[in-house]
Amino acid sequence: MTTTSATNSTPHAHTDRLPEHTPRLNMAELAPDAYRAMIRLAAAAKKGVDPVVFELVQIRASQINHCAFCVDMHTKDALAAGETVERIVQLSAWEESKHFYTAREIAAIELTEAVTVLTDGFVPDAVYERAARHFDDTELAHLIAAITLINGWNRFAVTTRMVPGHYTPGSTAHRPAAEAGAAK
């Protein structure tokens, strides 16, 4: 058996990774009023949603929308806030792993999917009613705002090709460090 050093044979070595893509444009710089409006919407929506539910919703919608930047950001935020790796990993298969979540969290995740994938039709009454059983009207309104928010961020990030991997939890929300000054 031949052995090689871990630095050049490990499939996870940084030297084996493909290069990052280049962002198409910087929304914070080119549309600062729109960008700041999204940040204000984030702050307003987040005020009325349990922080754990908020991050689960942000991650799940981002998974559905294939938004690597937002999956990276919200996974890191969730981990920093104490969420478990196990629950984050299972989120993409929540229908088969409901036992990792509360009924309230499942109602929020199910609503997130219904609002995010509107091409399947309207938000089903049964999905909305389950969410309404777990959230009062004010909480539900904020939850819908949070779901709408992340879908907007996903579209900004996917369209402009924001690069995942550089976000640090606790840094300025919703933008990489290089853009932090541009949106003030």
Protein backbone atom coordinates (compact mmCIF):
# COMPACT_ATOMS: atom_id res chain seq x y z
CA MET A 1 0.00 0.00 0.00
CA THR A 2 1.34 3.40 -0.97
CA THR A 3 0.84 6.38 1.29
CA THR A 4 1.01 10.02 0.40
CA SER A 5 1.02 13.10 2.55
CA ALA A 6 -2.33 14.41 3.72
CA THR A 7 -1.67 17.80 2.19
CA ASN A 8 -1.89 16.61 -1.39
CA SER A 9 -4.05 13.49 -1.19
CA THR A 10 -6.91 14.63 1.03
CA PRO A 11 -10.01 15.31 -1.05
CA HIS A 12 -10.86 18.25 1.23
CA ALA A 13 -7.52 20.00 0.92
CA HIS A 14 -7.91 23.66 0.01
CA THR A 15 -5.49 23.23 -2.89
CA ASP A 16 -7.93 20.81 -4.56
CA ARG A 17 -10.83 23.24 -4.56
CA LEU A 18 -12.06 24.97 -7.67
CA PRO A 19 -11.65 28.75 -7.83
CA GLU A 20 -14.41 31.07 -6.64
CA HIS A 21 -16.71 32.60 -9.19
CA THR A 22 -16.71 36.35 -9.69
CA PRO A 23 -19.70 38.41 -8.56
CA ARG A 24 -21.60 40.08 -11.40
CA LEU A 25 -22.27 43.34 -9.59
CA ASN A 26 -22.59 44.85 -6.14
CA MET A 27 -26.20 45.61 -5.20
CA ALA A 28 -25.22 47.54 -2.07
CA GLU A 29 -23.10 49.89 -4.13
CA LEU A 30 -25.26 50.20 -7.25
CA ALA A 31 -28.75 50.22 -5.67
CA PRO A 32 -28.04 51.44 -2.13
CA ASP A 33 -31.60 52.60 -1.40
CA ALA A 34 -33.05 49.22 -2.40
CA TYR A 35 -30.36 47.43 -0.42
CA ARG A 36 -30.98 49.52 2.69
CA ALA A 37 -34.73 48.91 2.32
CA MET A 38 -34.06 45.15 2.39
CA ILE A 39 -31.96 45.58 5.54
CA ARG A 40 -34.81 47.56 7.16
CA LEU A 41 -37.27 44.82 6.15
CA ALA A 42 -34.93 42.23 7.71
CA ALA A 43 -34.85 44.13 10.99
CA ALA A 44 -38.63 44.60 11.01
CA ALA A 45 -39.42 40.97 10.13
CA LYS A 46 -36.91 39.55 12.58
CA LYS A 47 -38.43 41.47 15.53
CA GLY A 48 -41.56 39.32 15.47
CA VAL A 49 -40.07 35.88 14.78
CA ASP A 50 -38.41 33.51 17.21
CA PRO A 51 -34.65 33.56 16.36
CA VAL A 52 -34.46 29.77 15.93
CA VAL A 53 -37.48 29.73 13.61
CA PHE A 54 -36.09 32.74 11.73
CA GLU A 55 -32.81 30.97 10.91
CA LEU A 56 -34.51 27.69 10.00
CA VAL A 57 -36.76 29.59 7.58
CA GLN A 58 -33.83 31.50 6.12
CA ILE A 59 -31.82 28.33 5.56
CA ARG A 60 -34.71 26.29 4.12
CA ALA A 61 -35.79 28.93 1.59
CA SER A 62 -32.16 29.42 0.58
CA GLN A 63 -31.76 25.67 0.04
CA ILE A 64 -34.84 25.60 -2.17
CA ASN A 65 -33.64 28.63 -4.15
CA HIS A 66 -30.10 27.21 -4.46
CA CYS A 67 -28.66 30.36 -2.90
CA ALA A 68 -25.23 29.30 -1.68
CA PHE A 69 -24.43 32.74 -0.24
CA CYS A 70 -27.53 32.77 1.98
CA VAL A 71 -27.18 29.09 2.96
CA ASP A 72 -23.62 29.90 4.06
CA MET A 73 -24.67 33.03 5.96
CA HIS A 74 -27.68 31.64 7.77
CA THR A 75 -26.08 28.32 8.57
CA LYS A 76 -23.19 30.17 10.20
CA ASP A 77 -25.60 32.48 12.05
CA ALA A 78 -27.64 29.51 13.26
CA LEU A 79 -24.54 27.64 14.46
CA ALA A 80 -23.25 30.77 16.21
CA ALA A 81 -26.63 31.10 17.96
CA GLY A 82 -26.38 27.54 19.25
CA GLU A 83 -28.30 25.58 16.62
CA THR A 84 -27.07 22.01 16.16
CA VAL A 85 -25.33 20.72 13.08
CA GLU A 86 -27.71 17.77 13.10
CA ARG A 87 -30.84 19.94 12.78
CA ILE A 88 -29.26 22.08 10.06
CA VAL A 89 -28.18 19.01 8.08
CA GLN A 90 -31.62 17.40 8.41
CA LEU A 91 -33.42 20.57 7.29
CA SER A 92 -33.16 19.68 3.60
CA ALA A 93 -34.97 16.40 4.37
CA TRP A 94 -37.29 17.66 7.11
CA GLU A 95 -40.30 15.66 5.90
CA GLU A 96 -38.44 12.45 6.76
CA SER A 97 -36.86 13.82 9.92
CA LYS A 98 -39.65 15.78 11.61
CA HIS A 99 -38.62 14.35 14.96
CA PHE A 100 -35.69 16.79 15.01
CA TYR A 101 -38.09 19.75 15.15
CA THR A 102 -41.04 21.05 17.13
CA ALA A 103 -44.53 21.17 15.60
CA ARG A 104 -44.19 24.96 15.50
CA GLU A 105 -40.89 24.76 13.59
CA ILE A 106 -42.36 22.25 11.13
CA ALA A 107 -45.34 24.56 10.52
CA ALA A 108 -42.91 27.41 9.75
CA ILE A 109 -40.76 25.24 7.48
CA GLU A 110 -43.82 23.95 5.63
CA LEU A 111 -45.11 27.50 5.16
CA THR A 112 -41.67 28.54 3.94
CA GLU A 113 -41.75 25.89 1.23
CA ALA A 114 -45.28 26.83 0.16
CA VAL A 115 -44.44 30.55 -0.08
CA THR A 116 -41.08 29.92 -1.76
CA VAL A 117 -42.32 27.52 -4.42
CA LEU A 118 -45.29 29.45 -5.78
CA THR A 119 -44.97 27.73 -9.15
CA ASP A 120 -46.76 24.79 -7.52
CA GLY A 121 -49.80 27.01 -7.00
CA PHE A 122 -51.09 29.12 -4.17
CA VAL A 123 -50.17 28.56 -0.53
CA PRO A 124 -52.52 25.68 0.40
CA ASP A 125 -55.15 26.42 3.02
CA ALA A 126 -54.06 23.41 5.08
CA VAL A 127 -50.46 24.68 5.24
CA TYR A 128 -51.59 28.17 6.23
CA GLU A 129 -54.02 26.80 8.83
CA ARG A 130 -51.28 24.65 10.44
CA ALA A 131 -49.05 27.71 10.69
CA ALA A 132 -51.93 29.77 12.11
CA ARG A 133 -52.41 27.16 14.86
CA HIS A 134 -48.82 27.66 16.02
CA PHE A 135 -48.39 31.41 15.54
CA ASP A 136 -50.67 34.25 16.57
CA ASP A 137 -51.64 36.74 13.85
CA THR A 138 -48.77 39.14 14.60
CA GLU A 139 -46.21 36.33 14.68
CA LEU A 140 -47.63 34.89 11.47
CA ALA A 141 -47.44 38.27 9.74
CA HIS A 142 -43.79 38.61 10.75
CA LEU A 143 -43.08 35.02 9.69
CA ILE A 144 -44.56 35.72 6.25
CA ALA A 145 -42.44 38.89 6.07
CA ALA A 146 -39.32 36.84 7.00
CA ILE A 147 -40.09 34.27 4.30
CA THR A 148 -40.69 37.02 1.74
CA LEU A 149 -37.47 38.71 2.85
CA ILE A 150 -35.24 35.67 2.36
CA ASN A 151 -36.75 34.98 -1.04
CA GLY A 152 -35.85 38.55 -2.04
CA TRP A 153 -32.31 38.20 -0.68
CA ASN A 154 -31.95 34.86 -2.47
CA ARG A 155 -32.88 36.48 -5.76
CA PHE A 156 -30.42 39.33 -5.22
CA ALA A 157 -27.62 36.94 -4.29
CA VAL A 158 -28.22 34.34 -7.00
CA THR A 159 -28.67 36.90 -9.76
CA THR A 160 -25.60 38.93 -8.80
CA ARG A 161 -23.61 35.76 -7.96
CA MET A 162 -22.65 36.76 -4.42
CA VAL A 163 -19.77 34.55 -3.31
CA PRO A 164 -20.36 32.23 -0.34
CA GLY A 165 -17.75 31.35 2.23
CA HIS A 166 -16.60 34.73 3.50
CA TYR A 167 -19.43 35.65 5.88
CA THR A 168 -18.58 35.82 9.57
CA PRO A 169 -21.42 35.54 12.09
CA GLY A 170 -21.94 38.80 13.92
CA SER A 171 -20.60 40.89 11.05
CA THR A 172 -22.82 43.40 9.32
CA ALA A 173 -25.95 41.48 8.35
CA HIS A 174 -26.73 40.48 4.78
CA ARG A 175 -23.53 41.56 3.09
CA PRO A 176 -19.92 40.51 3.00
CA ALA A 177 -17.32 42.63 4.76
CA ALA A 178 -16.21 44.21 1.47
CA GLU A 179 -19.67 45.69 0.99
CA ALA A 180 -20.27 46.82 4.59
CA GLY A 181 -19.33 50.43 3.98
CA ALA A 182 -21.16 50.69 0.66
CA ALA A 183 -24.65 50.33 2.08
CA LYS A 184 -24.44 52.79 4.97
